[in-house]
C-alpha atoms as a PDB file:
ATOM      1  CA  MET A   1    -184.684  40.243-157.029  1.00  0.00           C
ATOM      2  CA  ARG A   2    -186.801  38.305-154.542  1.00  0.00           C
ATOM      3  CA  LEU A   3    -187.597  41.560-152.721  1.00  0.00           C
ATOM      4  CA  ILE A   4    -188.667  43.140-156.001  1.00  0.00           C
ATOM      5  CA  HIS A   5    -191.025  40.262-156.708  1.00  0.00           C
ATOM      6  CA  LEU A   6    -192.511  40.552-153.219  1.00  0.00           C
ATOM      7  CA  ALA A   7    -192.865  44.299-153.618  1.00  0.00           C
ATOM      8  CA  LEU A   8    -194.710  43.823-156.884  1.00  0.00           C
ATOM      9  CA  ALA A   9    -197.138  41.489-155.143  1.00  0.00           C
ATOM     10  CA  ALA A  10    -197.690  44.072-152.424  1.00  0.00           C
ATOM     11  CA  VAL A  11    -198.567  46.798-154.888  1.00  0.00           C
ATOM     12  CA  ILE A  12    -200.930  44.564-156.822  1.00  0.00           C
ATOM     13  CA  ALA A  13    -202.674  43.259-153.688  1.00  0.00           C
ATOM     14  CA  LEU A  14    -203.026  46.645-152.009  1.00  0.00           C
ATOM     15  CA  ALA A  15    -206.608  47.052-153.130  1.00  0.00           C
ATOM     16  CA  VAL A  16    -207.831  43.752-151.757  1.00  0.00           C
ATOM     17  CA  PRO A  17    -205.997  42.852-148.506  1.00  0.00           C
ATOM     18  CA  PRO A  18    -206.570  39.185-147.621  1.00  0.00           C
ATOM     19  CA  ALA A  19    -207.362  40.108-144.014  1.00  0.00           C
ATOM     20  CA  VAL A  20    -210.173  42.384-145.148  1.00  0.00           C
ATOM     21  CA  ARG A  21    -211.924  40.427-147.867  1.00  0.00           C
ATOM     22  CA  ALA A  22    -214.189  37.570-146.936  1.00  0.00           C
ATOM     23  CA  GLU A  23    -214.824  34.410-148.917  1.00  0.00           C
ATOM     24  CA  THR A  24    -216.162  35.336-152.349  1.00  0.00           C
ATOM     25  CA  GLN A  25    -219.933  34.905-152.521  1.00  0.00           C
ATOM     26  CA  VAL A  26    -222.504  36.105-155.029  1.00  0.00           C
ATOM     27  CA  PRO A  27    -224.983  38.510-153.347  1.00  0.00           C
ATOM     28  CA  ARG A  28    -228.483  37.044-153.272  1.00  0.00           C
ATOM     29  CA  SER A  29    -230.118  40.469-153.210  1.00  0.00           C
ATOM     30  CA  GLN A  30    -229.266  44.141-153.563  1.00  0.00           C
ATOM     31  CA  GLY A  31    -229.460  44.470-149.796  1.00  0.00           C
ATOM     32  CA  GLU A  32    -226.524  42.071-149.401  1.00  0.00           C
ATOM     33  CA  MET A  33    -224.237  44.116-151.644  1.00  0.00           C
ATOM     34  CA  LEU A  34    -221.396  46.060-150.035  1.00  0.00           C
ATOM     35  CA  LEU A  35    -222.628  49.640-149.611  1.00  0.00           C
ATOM     36  CA  SER A  36    -219.465  51.226-148.240  1.00  0.00           C
ATOM     37  CA  PHE A  37    -215.723  50.766-148.626  1.00  0.00           C
ATOM     38  CA  ALA A  38    -215.109  52.842-145.496  1.00  0.00           C
ATOM     39  CA  PRO A  39    -213.889  49.927-143.309  1.00  0.00           C
ATOM     40  CA  VAL A  40    -211.318  48.917-145.943  1.00  0.00           C
ATOM     41  CA  VAL A  41    -210.176  52.510-146.469  1.00  0.00           C
ATOM     42  CA  LYS A  42    -209.766  53.079-142.718  1.00  0.00           C
ATOM     43  CA  ARG A  43    -207.604  49.973-142.515  1.00  0.00           C
ATOM     44  CA  THR A  44    -205.381  50.625-145.544  1.00  0.00           C
ATOM     45  CA  ALA A  45    -205.184  54.398-146.117  1.00  0.00           C
ATOM     46  CA  PRO A  46    -202.830  55.146-143.172  1.00  0.00           C
ATOM     47  CA  ALA A  47    -200.181  53.000-144.884  1.00  0.00           C
ATOM     48  CA  VAL A  48    -200.377  54.929-148.173  1.00  0.00           C
ATOM     49  CA  VAL A  49    -197.923  57.821-148.533  1.00  0.00           C
ATOM     50  CA  ASN A  50    -197.252  60.675-150.941  1.00  0.00           C
ATOM     51  CA  VAL A  51    -193.845  60.688-152.628  1.00  0.00           C
ATOM     52  CA  TYR A  52    -192.194  63.843-153.989  1.00  0.00           C
ATOM     53  CA  ALA A  53    -188.889  63.899-155.872  1.00  0.00           C
ATOM     54  CA  GLN A  54    -186.694  66.691-157.207  1.00  0.00           C
ATOM     55  CA  ARG A  55    -184.136  66.182-159.954  1.00  0.00           C
ATOM     56  CA  ILE A  56    -181.733  68.559-161.664  1.00  0.00           C
ATOM     57  CA  VAL A  57    -182.030  68.483-165.460  1.00  0.00           C
ATOM     58  CA  ALA A  58    -180.170  70.377-168.157  1.00  0.00           C
ATOM     59  CA  SER A  59    -182.143  72.423-170.656  1.00  0.00           C
ATOM     60  CA  ARG A  60    -181.020  74.643-173.490  1.00  0.00           C
ATOM     61  CA  GLN A  61    -182.333  78.134-174.001  1.00  0.00           C
ATOM     62  CA  GLU A  62    -183.894  78.427-177.403  1.00  0.00           C
ATOM     63  CA  GLY A  63    -182.595  81.071-179.776  1.00  0.00           C
ATOM     64  CA  ILE A  64    -181.697  81.474-183.413  1.00  0.00           C
ATOM     65  CA  GLY A  65    -179.003  78.876-182.767  1.00  0.00           C
ATOM     66  CA  ALA A  66    -181.788  76.294-182.733  1.00  0.00           C
ATOM     67  CA  ASP A  67    -182.359  76.960-186.430  1.00  0.00           C
ATOM     68  CA  PRO A  68    -180.536  74.405-188.638  1.00  0.00           C
ATOM     69  CA  PHE A  69    -179.480  77.214-190.991  1.00  0.00           C
ATOM     70  CA  PHE A  70    -177.461  79.006-188.296  1.00  0.00           C
ATOM     71  CA  ARG A  71    -176.048  75.739-186.915  1.00  0.00           C
ATOM     72  CA  ARG A  72    -174.362  75.210-190.301  1.00  0.00           C
ATOM     73  CA  PHE A  73    -172.243  78.311-189.696  1.00  0.00           C
ATOM     74  CA  PHE A  74    -171.936  78.544-185.911  1.00  0.00           C
ATOM     75  CA  GLY A  75    -172.059  74.913-184.784  1.00  0.00           C
ATOM     76  CA  GLU A  76    -174.434  73.219-182.360  1.00  0.00           C
ATOM     77  CA  ASN A  77    -174.035  75.908-179.691  1.00  0.00           C
ATOM     78  CA  GLY A  78    -172.796  78.861-181.655  1.00  0.00           C
ATOM     79  CA  GLY A  79    -173.225  81.064-178.593  1.00  0.00           C
ATOM     80  CA  PHE A  80    -176.945  81.265-179.232  1.00  0.00           C
ATOM     81  CA  GLY A  81    -178.338  78.494-177.047  1.00  0.00           C
ATOM     82  CA  ARG A  82    -176.756  78.118-173.646  1.00  0.00           C
ATOM     83  CA  SER A  83    -177.314  75.069-171.515  1.00  0.00           C
ATOM     84  CA  ARG A  84    -178.661  75.719-168.034  1.00  0.00           C
ATOM     85  CA  GLU A  85    -179.867  73.619-165.131  1.00  0.00           C
ATOM     86  CA  ARG A  86    -183.375  73.632-163.759  1.00  0.00           C
ATOM     87  CA  VAL A  87    -185.264  71.756-161.056  1.00  0.00           C
ATOM     88  CA  GLN A  88    -187.865  69.239-162.195  1.00  0.00           C
ATOM     89  CA  ASN A  89    -190.450  67.961-159.702  1.00  0.00           C
ATOM     90  CA  SER A  90    -192.318  64.668-159.799  1.00  0.00           C
ATOM     91  CA  LEU A  91    -194.966  63.216-157.544  1.00  0.00           C
ATOM     92  CA  GLY A  92    -196.411  59.825-156.850  1.00  0.00           C
ATOM     93  CA  SER A  93    -197.654  57.506-154.141  1.00  0.00           C
ATOM     94  CA  GLY A  94    -196.231  54.620-152.169  1.00  0.00           C
ATOM     95  CA  VAL A  95    -197.186  51.993-149.635  1.00  0.00           C
ATOM     96  CA  ILE A  96    -195.522  51.211-146.304  1.00  0.00           C
ATOM     97  CA  VAL A  97    -194.739  47.486-146.277  1.00  0.00           C
ATOM     98  CA  ASP A  98    -192.760  47.374-143.027  1.00  0.00           C
ATOM     99  CA  PRO A  99    -193.470  49.313-139.803  1.00  0.00           C
ATOM    100  CA  SER A 100    -189.800  50.360-139.598  1.00  0.00           C
ATOM    101  CA  GLY A 101    -190.297  52.710-142.561  1.00  0.00           C
ATOM    102  CA  ILE A 102    -189.827  50.591-145.706  1.00  0.00           C
ATOM    103  CA  ILE A 103    -191.874  51.941-148.621  1.00  0.00           C
ATOM    104  CA  VAL A 104    -192.550  50.602-152.118  1.00  0.00           C
ATOM    105  CA  THR A 105    -193.222  52.994-155.002  1.00  0.00           C
ATOM    106  CA  ASN A 106    -192.630  53.169-158.766  1.00  0.00           C
ATOM    107  CA  ASN A 107    -189.089  53.684-159.983  1.00  0.00           C
ATOM    108  CA  HIS A 108    -190.101  56.355-162.508  1.00  0.00           C
ATOM    109  CA  VAL A 109    -191.399  58.510-159.642  1.00  0.00           C
ATOM    110  CA  ILE A 110    -187.978  58.823-157.995  1.00  0.00           C
ATOM    111  CA  ARG A 111    -185.617  58.108-160.921  1.00  0.00           C
ATOM    112  CA  GLY A 112    -182.686  60.519-160.883  1.00  0.00           C
ATOM    113  CA  GLY A 113    -184.037  62.318-157.831  1.00  0.00           C
ATOM    114  CA  SER A 114    -181.548  64.398-155.854  1.00  0.00           C
ATOM    115  CA  GLU A 115    -184.068  64.871-153.039  1.00  0.00           C
ATOM    116  CA  ILE A 116    -186.931  62.526-152.164  1.00  0.00           C
ATOM    117  CA  LYS A 117    -189.603  63.456-149.637  1.00  0.00           C
ATOM    118  CA  VAL A 118    -192.301  61.209-148.192  1.00  0.00           C
ATOM    119  CA  VAL A 119    -195.472  62.623-146.640  1.00  0.00           C
ATOM    120  CA  LEU A 120    -197.445  60.271-144.392  1.00  0.00           C
ATOM    121  CA  ALA A 121    -201.219  60.155-144.139  1.00  0.00           C
ATOM    122  CA  ASP A 122    -200.959  62.200-140.918  1.00  0.00           C
ATOM    123  CA  ARG A 123    -199.042  64.885-142.931  1.00  0.00           C
ATOM    124  CA  ARG A 124    -195.664  64.317-141.306  1.00  0.00           C
ATOM    125  CA  GLU A 125    -192.776  64.747-143.740  1.00  0.00           C
ATOM    126  CA  PHE A 126    -189.573  62.689-143.967  1.00  0.00           C
ATOM    127  CA  GLU A 127    -186.509  62.673-146.195  1.00  0.00           C
ATOM    128  CA  ALA A 128    -186.262  59.279-147.884  1.00  0.00           C
ATOM    129  CA  SER A 129    -183.262  57.257-149.005  1.00  0.00           C
ATOM    130  CA  VAL A 130    -183.281  54.748-151.852  1.00  0.00           C
ATOM    131  CA  VAL A 131    -182.729  51.131-150.802  1.00  0.00           C
ATOM    132  CA  LEU A 132    -182.932  49.598-154.266  1.00  0.00           C
ATOM    133  CA  THR A 133    -184.498  50.181-157.674  1.00  0.00           C
ATOM    134  CA  ASP A 134    -185.401  48.018-160.640  1.00  0.00           C
ATOM    135  CA  GLU A 135    -185.918  49.639-164.041  1.00  0.00           C
ATOM    136  CA  ARG A 136    -187.444  46.567-165.636  1.00  0.00           C
ATOM    137  CA  THR A 137    -190.273  46.186-163.134  1.00  0.00           C
ATOM    138  CA  ASP A 138    -190.463  49.965-162.527  1.00  0.00           C
ATOM    139  CA  LEU A 139    -190.274  49.416-158.774  1.00  0.00           C
ATOM    140  CA  ALA A 140    -188.291  51.196-156.076  1.00  0.00           C
ATOM    141  CA  VAL A 141    -187.877  50.575-152.355  1.00  0.00           C
ATOM    142  CA  LEU A 142    -187.390  53.585-150.066  1.00  0.00           C
ATOM    143  CA  ARG A 143    -186.567  53.945-146.393  1.00  0.00           C
ATOM    144  CA  ILE A 144    -187.486  56.709-143.947  1.00  0.00           C
ATOM    145  CA  ASP A 145    -186.033  57.097-140.458  1.00  0.00           C
ATOM    146  CA  VAL A 146    -188.801  56.926-137.858  1.00  0.00           C
ATOM    147  CA  SER A 147    -186.534  55.979-134.920  1.00  0.00           C
ATOM    148  CA  ASP A 148    -188.316  53.485-132.671  1.00  0.00           C
ATOM    149  CA  GLU A 149    -191.812  54.278-133.946  1.00  0.00           C
ATOM    150  CA  GLU A 150    -193.846  51.628-135.734  1.00  0.00           C
ATOM    151  CA  LEU A 151    -195.756  52.908-138.747  1.00  0.00           C
ATOM    152  CA  PRO A 152    -199.003  51.427-140.093  1.00  0.00           C
ATOM    153  CA  ALA A 153    -198.077  48.912-142.779  1.00  0.00           C
ATOM    154  CA  LEU A 154    -199.799  46.569-145.194  1.00  0.00           C
ATOM    155  CA  THR A 155    -198.851  42.912-145.401  1.00  0.00           C
ATOM    156  CA  LEU A 156    -197.797  41.361-148.679  1.00  0.00           C
ATOM    157  CA  GLY A 157    -200.574  39.646-150.585  1.00  0.00           C
ATOM    158  CA  ASP A 158    -200.705  36.928-153.220  1.00  0.00           C
ATOM    159  CA  SER A 159    -201.820  38.158-156.633  1.00  0.00           C
ATOM    160  CA  ASP A 160    -202.425  34.538-157.694  1.00  0.00           C
ATOM    161  CA  GLY A 161    -205.635  34.677-155.650  1.00  0.00           C
ATOM    162  CA  LEU A 162    -207.152  37.494-157.712  1.00  0.00           C
ATOM    163  CA  GLU A 163    -210.075  36.863-160.042  1.00  0.00           C
ATOM    164  CA  VAL A 164    -211.679  38.951-162.756  1.00  0.00           C
ATOM    165  CA  GLY A 165    -214.529  40.849-161.121  1.00  0.00           C
ATOM    166  CA  ASP A 166    -212.850  41.292-157.726  1.00  0.00           C
ATOM    167  CA  LEU A 167    -213.295  44.738-156.206  1.00  0.00           C
ATOM    168  CA  VAL A 168    -210.361  47.158-156.432  1.00  0.00           C
ATOM    169  CA  LEU A 169    -209.599  50.345-154.495  1.00  0.00           C
ATOM    170  CA  ALA A 170    -206.946  52.785-155.706  1.00  0.00           C
ATOM    171  CA  ILE A 171    -205.555  55.059-152.984  1.00  0.00           C
ATOM    172  CA  GLY A 172    -203.079  57.735-154.006  1.00  0.00           C
ATOM    173  CA  ASN A 173    -202.202  61.370-154.580  1.00  0.00           C
ATOM    174  CA  PRO A 174    -203.576  62.303-158.035  1.00  0.00           C
ATOM    175  CA  PHE A 175    -202.348  65.664-159.337  1.00  0.00           C
ATOM    176  CA  GLY A 176    -200.883  66.340-155.877  1.00  0.00           C
ATOM    177  CA  VAL A 177    -204.272  67.259-154.397  1.00  0.00           C
ATOM    178  CA  GLY A 178    -203.900  64.838-151.480  1.00  0.00           C
ATOM    179  CA  GLN A 179    -204.995  61.320-150.617  1.00  0.00           C
ATOM    180  CA  THR A 180    -207.867  60.217-152.844  1.00  0.00           C
ATOM    181  CA  VAL A 181    -209.770  56.924-153.127  1.00  0.00           C
ATOM    182  CA  THR A 182    -211.325  55.527-156.314  1.00  0.00           C
ATOM    183  CA  SER A 183    -212.903  52.132-156.929  1.00  0.00           C
ATOM    184  CA  GLY A 184    -213.392  49.606-159.698  1.00  0.00           C
ATOM    185  CA  ILE A 185    -212.938  45.926-160.436  1.00  0.00           C
ATOM    186  CA  VAL A 186    -210.269  43.608-161.774  1.00  0.00           C
ATOM    187  CA  SER A 187    -211.023  43.839-165.490  1.00  0.00           C
ATOM    188  CA  ALA A 188    -208.504  41.300-166.782  1.00  0.00           C
ATOM    189  CA  LEU A 189    -205.524  39.215-165.693  1.00  0.00           C
ATOM    190  CA  ALA A 190    -202.178  38.362-167.313  1.00  0.00           C
ATOM    191  CA  ARG A 191    -202.181  41.236-169.793  1.00  0.00           C
ATOM    192  CA  THR A 192    -199.022  41.295-171.930  1.00  0.00           C
ATOM    193  CA  GLN A 193    -197.575  43.503-174.673  1.00  0.00           C
ATOM    194  CA  VAL A 194    -199.099  46.675-173.247  1.00  0.00           C
ATOM    195  CA  GLY A 195    -196.139  48.787-174.358  1.00  0.00           C
ATOM    196  CA  ILE A 196    -194.888  49.622-170.847  1.00  0.00           C
ATOM    197  CA  THR A 197    -192.263  46.952-170.204  1.00  0.00           C
ATOM    198  CA  ASP A 198    -191.452  43.464-171.400  1.00  0.00           C
ATOM    199  CA  TYR A 199    -191.522  42.110-167.852  1.00  0.00           C
ATOM    200  CA  GLY A 200    -194.206  39.782-166.536  1.00  0.00           C
ATOM    201  CA  PHE A 201    -197.972  40.094-166.718  1.00  0.00           C
ATOM    202  CA  PHE A 202    -200.230  42.998-165.838  1.00  0.00           C
ATOM    203  CA  ILE A 203    -203.516  43.184-163.964  1.00  0.00           C
ATOM    204  CA  GLN A 204    -206.021  45.463-165.681  1.00  0.00           C
ATOM    205  CA  SER A 205    -208.491  47.502-163.614  1.00  0.00           C
ATOM    206  CA  ASP A 206    -211.030  50.204-164.381  1.00  0.00           C
ATOM    207  CA  ALA A 207    -210.367  52.043-161.096  1.00  0.00           C
ATOM    208  CA  ALA A 208    -209.582  55.673-161.973  1.00  0.00           C
ATOM    209  CA  ILE A 209    -205.819  56.311-162.046  1.00  0.00           C
ATOM    210  CA  ASN A 210    -204.310  59.752-162.675  1.00  0.00           C
ATOM    211  CA  PRO A 211    -200.817  61.309-162.587  1.00  0.00           C
ATOM    212  CA  GLY A 212    -199.710  61.142-158.959  1.00  0.00           C
ATOM    213  CA  ASN A 213    -201.246  57.706-158.366  1.00  0.00           C
ATOM    214  CA  SER A 214    -198.044  55.994-159.547  1.00  0.00           C
ATOM    215  CA  GLY A 215    -196.639  53.837-156.798  1.00  0.00           C
END
């Protein structure tokens, strides 16, 4: 579980790497305000990956057998609705936390996946294997085989250092269109009872997040 806790910290701290942010100071004029996130994006984006998963799910063909009236006479199947398998695709994002190819993403992105593919920022594709998953924290750790190559990676941060009002960048793959960057701030800390899971506290941000950003 220690690795899961560290992974959670990495995901939370992705937007504000300690090595990038300077000591917090209130700008004395508009001219002192940060005008571009480009240096931060150039440093962090290469370590953000796209994650694609395929899973086989069973679905039943609808017919008159779906009508409760006919089920009374012919049973649940009754020869009317046959079960068949289909491929379901999911997409998300992840972050490389070790140069050897260790990646953290959300568990719901890869849950039940029969095939998992990772696409790096340079568009290279790799088959990924699952190292471990945790349903409660909705985290998963993947591994890709990059031989002796060292990939760009982000170091783990400490979410205890975050403050409301800190700048946030969200880098991901919304709707599968490719790597996209949005910005916002830390809106609140230690949110609980948000209806997602009963585990821990959540950091709220107004940075735009869409399907495909998960991870």
